[in-house]
């Protein structure tokens, strides 16, 4: 473990002490658990980001197709075939 020093306001210190006492855990453990929980949530999208991304997907889905379906299916088939045969690492046959 690494020992570190932080400065917190009086309210945070009171909350930390009260939480540690109520949970019957050390203050250090409460801080470690809080940091781990915060880090896990930090990688998630905020509600605003999630809504913005969903709106962009809805907008894209509402657009009319730019190519015929058969052309798209053919391109996907060709890409899959190329991947099964080594992609661009091998010369074209």
N, C-alpha and C. Protein backbone atom coordinates (compact mmCIF):
# COMPACT_ATOMS: atom_id res chain seq x y z
N UNK A 1 0.85 -1.18 0.00
CA UNK A 1 0.00 0.00 0.00
C UNK A 1 0.89 1.24 0.00
N UNK A 2 0.32 2.30 -0.51
CA UNK A 2 1.02 3.59 -0.58
C UNK A 2 0.29 4.55 0.34
N UNK A 3 1.03 5.27 1.13
CA UNK A 3 0.43 6.25 2.02
C UNK A 3 0.37 7.58 1.29
N UNK A 4 -0.82 8.20 1.28
CA UNK A 4 -1.00 9.49 0.64
C UNK A 4 -1.72 10.43 1.59
N UNK A 5 -1.61 11.71 1.32
CA UNK A 5 -2.26 12.72 2.15
C UNK A 5 -3.16 13.56 1.27
N UNK A 6 -4.39 13.75 1.72
CA UNK A 6 -5.35 14.59 1.01
C UNK A 6 -5.86 15.65 1.96
N UNK A 7 -6.28 16.76 1.40
CA UNK A 7 -6.93 17.80 2.18
C UNK A 7 -8.38 17.84 1.76
N UNK A 8 -9.28 17.72 2.72
CA UNK A 8 -10.71 17.77 2.42
C UNK A 8 -11.35 18.81 3.32
N UNK A 9 -12.52 19.28 2.92
CA UNK A 9 -13.22 20.26 3.75
C UNK A 9 -13.81 19.58 4.98
N UNK A 10 -14.24 20.38 5.95
CA UNK A 10 -14.75 19.84 7.21
C UNK A 10 -15.95 18.92 7.01
N UNK A 11 -16.84 19.28 6.12
CA UNK A 11 -18.03 18.45 5.87
C UNK A 11 -17.67 17.08 5.33
N UNK A 12 -16.72 17.05 4.42
CA UNK A 12 -16.28 15.76 3.86
C UNK A 12 -15.62 14.91 4.93
N UNK A 13 -14.81 15.53 5.78
CA UNK A 13 -14.15 14.80 6.86
C UNK A 13 -15.18 14.22 7.82
N UNK A 14 -16.21 15.02 8.16
CA UNK A 14 -17.26 14.51 9.05
C UNK A 14 -18.01 13.35 8.40
N UNK A 15 -18.31 13.50 7.12
CA UNK A 15 -19.02 12.43 6.40
C UNK A 15 -18.18 11.16 6.36
N UNK A 16 -16.90 11.30 6.09
CA UNK A 16 -16.00 10.14 6.05
C UNK A 16 -15.95 9.45 7.40
N UNK A 17 -15.77 10.22 8.47
CA UNK A 17 -15.72 9.62 9.81
C UNK A 17 -17.02 8.91 10.16
N UNK A 18 -18.15 9.58 9.88
CA UNK A 18 -19.46 9.02 10.22
C UNK A 18 -19.73 7.75 9.41
N UNK A 19 -19.37 7.77 8.13
CA UNK A 19 -19.59 6.60 7.28
C UNK A 19 -18.73 5.43 7.73
N UNK A 20 -17.46 5.70 8.02
CA UNK A 20 -16.57 4.65 8.49
C UNK A 20 -17.07 4.05 9.79
N UNK A 21 -17.53 4.90 10.69
CA UNK A 21 -18.03 4.41 11.98
C UNK A 21 -19.30 3.57 11.78
N UNK A 22 -20.21 4.07 10.95
CA UNK A 22 -21.48 3.37 10.73
C UNK A 22 -21.25 2.01 10.07
N UNK A 23 -20.29 1.95 9.14
CA UNK A 23 -20.01 0.70 8.43
C UNK A 23 -19.01 -0.17 9.19
N UNK A 24 -18.46 0.36 10.24
CA UNK A 24 -17.44 -0.33 11.04
C UNK A 24 -16.26 -0.74 10.15
N UNK A 25 -15.80 0.25 9.37
CA UNK A 25 -14.65 0.06 8.50
C UNK A 25 -13.69 1.21 8.78
N UNK A 26 -12.43 1.01 8.38
CA UNK A 26 -11.47 2.12 8.55
C UNK A 26 -11.79 3.21 7.52
N UNK A 27 -11.37 4.42 7.84
CA UNK A 27 -11.58 5.52 6.91
C UNK A 27 -10.84 5.25 5.60
N UNK A 28 -9.67 4.66 5.70
CA UNK A 28 -8.90 4.34 4.49
C UNK A 28 -9.66 3.38 3.59
N UNK A 29 -10.30 2.38 4.19
CA UNK A 29 -11.06 1.41 3.41
C UNK A 29 -12.27 2.08 2.75
N UNK A 30 -12.93 2.96 3.48
CA UNK A 30 -14.07 3.68 2.92
C UNK A 30 -13.61 4.51 1.71
N UNK A 31 -12.47 5.17 1.83
CA UNK A 31 -11.95 5.98 0.72
C UNK A 31 -11.59 5.08 -0.45
N UNK A 32 -10.91 3.95 -0.21
CA UNK A 32 -10.53 3.04 -1.29
C UNK A 32 -11.77 2.53 -2.03
N UNK A 33 -12.79 2.13 -1.25
CA UNK A 33 -14.02 1.63 -1.87
C UNK A 33 -14.72 2.73 -2.66
N UNK A 34 -14.72 3.94 -2.13
CA UNK A 34 -15.37 5.06 -2.82
C UNK A 34 -14.64 5.38 -4.13
N UNK A 35 -13.32 5.36 -4.11
CA UNK A 35 -12.54 5.63 -5.32
C UNK A 35 -12.80 4.54 -6.36
N UNK A 36 -12.82 3.29 -5.93
CA UNK A 36 -13.08 2.18 -6.86
C UNK A 36 -14.46 2.31 -7.49
N UNK A 37 -15.45 2.65 -6.69
CA UNK A 37 -16.82 2.80 -7.21
C UNK A 37 -16.89 3.98 -8.18
N UNK A 38 -16.24 5.08 -7.83
CA UNK A 38 -16.23 6.26 -8.70
C UNK A 38 -15.56 5.93 -10.03
N UNK A 39 -14.44 5.24 -9.97
CA UNK A 39 -13.71 4.89 -11.20
C UNK A 39 -14.56 4.00 -12.10
N UNK A 40 -15.30 3.07 -11.51
CA UNK A 40 -16.16 2.19 -12.30
C UNK A 40 -17.25 2.98 -13.01
N UNK A 41 -17.77 3.99 -12.37
CA UNK A 41 -18.82 4.81 -12.98
C UNK A 41 -18.28 5.84 -13.95
N UNK A 42 -17.02 6.23 -13.79
CA UNK A 42 -16.44 7.30 -14.62
C UNK A 42 -16.36 6.90 -16.09
N UNK A 43 -16.26 5.60 -16.38
CA UNK A 43 -16.17 5.14 -17.76
C UNK A 43 -17.53 5.06 -18.44
N UNK A 44 -18.59 5.16 -17.70
CA UNK A 44 -19.93 5.09 -18.27
C UNK A 44 -20.32 6.44 -18.87
N UNK A 45 -21.21 6.38 -19.84
CA UNK A 45 -21.71 7.61 -20.44
C UNK A 45 -22.64 8.32 -19.47
N UNK A 46 -22.62 9.63 -19.53
CA UNK A 46 -23.60 10.38 -18.77
C UNK A 46 -24.94 10.24 -19.48
N UNK A 47 -26.01 10.58 -18.81
CA UNK A 47 -27.34 10.49 -19.41
C UNK A 47 -27.42 11.38 -20.65
N UNK A 48 -26.83 12.57 -20.60
CA UNK A 48 -26.84 13.48 -21.75
C UNK A 48 -26.07 12.88 -22.93
N UNK A 49 -24.91 12.28 -22.65
CA UNK A 49 -24.13 11.64 -23.72
C UNK A 49 -24.89 10.47 -24.34
N UNK A 50 -25.52 9.68 -23.48
CA UNK A 50 -26.29 8.52 -23.97
C UNK A 50 -27.42 8.98 -24.87
N UNK A 51 -28.15 10.00 -24.45
CA UNK A 51 -29.27 10.51 -25.26
C UNK A 51 -28.78 11.08 -26.59
N UNK A 52 -27.64 11.80 -26.56
CA UNK A 52 -27.09 12.38 -27.78
C UNK A 52 -26.70 11.28 -28.76
N UNK A 53 -26.08 10.22 -28.27
CA UNK A 53 -25.67 9.12 -29.14
C UNK A 53 -26.89 8.38 -29.70
N UNK A 54 -27.89 8.15 -28.86
CA UNK A 54 -29.10 7.48 -29.34
C UNK A 54 -29.81 8.32 -30.39
N UNK A 55 -29.83 9.64 -30.20
CA UNK A 55 -30.45 10.53 -31.19
C UNK A 55 -29.70 10.45 -32.52
N UNK A 56 -28.38 10.36 -32.47
CA UNK A 56 -27.59 10.25 -33.70
C UNK A 56 -27.90 8.93 -34.40
N UNK A 57 -28.04 7.85 -33.66
CA UNK A 57 -28.38 6.56 -34.26
C UNK A 57 -29.78 6.61 -34.87
N UNK A 58 -30.73 7.19 -34.15
CA UNK A 58 -32.09 7.33 -34.69
C UNK A 58 -32.09 8.13 -35.98
N UNK A 59 -31.29 9.21 -36.01
CA UNK A 59 -31.21 10.05 -37.21
C UNK A 59 -30.64 9.27 -38.38
N UNK A 60 -29.58 8.50 -38.13
CA UNK A 60 -28.97 7.70 -39.20
C UNK A 60 -29.94 6.63 -39.70
N UNK A 61 -30.66 5.99 -38.77
CA UNK A 61 -31.60 4.94 -39.16
C UNK A 61 -32.76 5.48 -39.98
N UNK A 62 -33.11 6.73 -39.77
CA UNK A 62 -34.24 7.33 -40.48
C UNK A 62 -33.87 7.77 -41.90
N UNK A 63 -32.60 7.87 -42.20
CA UNK A 63 -32.17 8.31 -43.54
C UNK A 63 -32.45 7.21 -44.56
N UNK A 64 -32.81 7.62 -45.77
CA UNK A 64 -33.03 6.60 -46.81
C UNK A 64 -31.70 5.96 -47.21
N UNK A 65 -31.73 4.71 -47.63
CA UNK A 65 -30.48 4.05 -48.03
C UNK A 65 -29.87 4.75 -49.24
N UNK A 66 -28.54 4.75 -49.30
CA UNK A 66 -27.85 5.40 -50.41
C UNK A 66 -27.46 4.42 -51.50
N UNK A 67 -27.56 3.10 -51.20
CA UNK A 67 -27.22 2.07 -52.18
C UNK A 67 -28.26 0.96 -52.13
N UNK A 68 -28.39 0.23 -53.20
CA UNK A 68 -29.33 -0.91 -53.18
C UNK A 68 -28.85 -1.98 -52.20
N UNK A 69 -29.79 -2.68 -51.58
CA UNK A 69 -29.49 -3.72 -50.61
C UNK A 69 -28.58 -4.80 -51.19
N UNK A 70 -28.82 -5.19 -52.43
CA UNK A 70 -28.02 -6.25 -53.05
C UNK A 70 -26.55 -5.84 -53.13
N UNK A 71 -26.29 -4.58 -53.41
CA UNK A 71 -24.91 -4.08 -53.48
C UNK A 71 -24.23 -4.16 -52.12
N UNK A 72 -24.95 -3.82 -51.08
CA UNK A 72 -24.41 -3.87 -49.72
C UNK A 72 -24.12 -5.31 -49.32
N UNK A 73 -25.05 -6.21 -49.61
CA UNK A 73 -24.86 -7.64 -49.29
C UNK A 73 -23.64 -8.18 -50.02
N UNK A 74 -23.48 -7.81 -51.29
CA UNK A 74 -22.34 -8.26 -52.08
C UNK A 74 -21.02 -7.74 -51.48
N UNK A 75 -20.99 -6.49 -51.07
CA UNK A 75 -19.77 -5.91 -50.48
C UNK A 75 -19.42 -6.62 -49.17
N UNK A 76 -20.40 -6.86 -48.33
CA UNK A 76 -20.15 -7.57 -47.06
C UNK A 76 -19.63 -8.97 -47.33
N UNK A 77 -20.22 -9.67 -48.32
CA UNK A 77 -19.77 -11.01 -48.67
C UNK A 77 -18.31 -10.98 -49.12
N UNK A 78 -17.96 -9.99 -49.95
CA UNK A 78 -16.58 -9.88 -50.44
C UNK A 78 -15.60 -9.59 -49.30
N UNK A 79 -16.00 -8.75 -48.36
CA UNK A 79 -15.14 -8.44 -47.21
C UNK A 79 -14.93 -9.69 -46.36
N UNK A 80 -15.99 -10.42 -46.11
CA UNK A 80 -15.86 -11.65 -45.31
C UNK A 80 -14.96 -12.67 -46.00
N UNK A 81 -15.11 -12.79 -47.31
CA UNK A 81 -14.28 -13.73 -48.07
C UNK A 81 -12.81 -13.31 -47.96
N UNK A 82 -12.54 -12.02 -48.10
CA UNK A 82 -11.15 -11.54 -48.01
C UNK A 82 -10.58 -11.79 -46.63
N UNK A 83 -11.38 -11.62 -45.59
CA UNK A 83 -10.90 -11.86 -44.22
C UNK A 83 -10.57 -13.34 -44.01
N UNK A 84 -11.39 -14.23 -44.56
CA UNK A 84 -11.14 -15.67 -44.40
C UNK A 84 -9.86 -16.10 -45.11
N UNK A 85 -9.48 -15.34 -46.13
CA UNK A 85 -8.29 -15.71 -46.92
C UNK A 85 -7.09 -14.81 -46.61
N UNK A 86 -7.07 -14.20 -45.42
CA UNK A 86 -5.88 -13.45 -45.01
C UNK A 86 -5.94 -11.96 -45.28
N UNK A 87 -7.02 -11.49 -45.82
CA UNK A 87 -7.15 -10.05 -46.05
C UNK A 87 -6.09 -9.51 -46.97
N UNK A 88 -5.52 -8.37 -46.65
CA UNK A 88 -4.55 -7.70 -47.52
C UNK A 88 -3.13 -8.20 -47.30
N UNK A 89 -2.95 -9.14 -46.36
CA UNK A 89 -1.59 -9.64 -46.12
C UNK A 89 -1.10 -10.51 -47.28
N UNK A 90 -2.04 -11.01 -48.06
CA UNK A 90 -1.68 -11.89 -49.18
C UNK A 90 -2.03 -11.19 -50.48
N UNK A 91 -1.26 -11.45 -51.52
CA UNK A 91 -1.56 -10.82 -52.81
C UNK A 91 -2.92 -11.28 -53.33
N UNK A 92 -3.55 -10.43 -54.11
CA UNK A 92 -4.85 -10.75 -54.69
C UNK A 92 -4.68 -11.89 -55.67
N UNK A 93 -5.67 -12.77 -55.75
CA UNK A 93 -5.60 -13.92 -56.64
C UNK A 93 -6.18 -13.59 -57.97
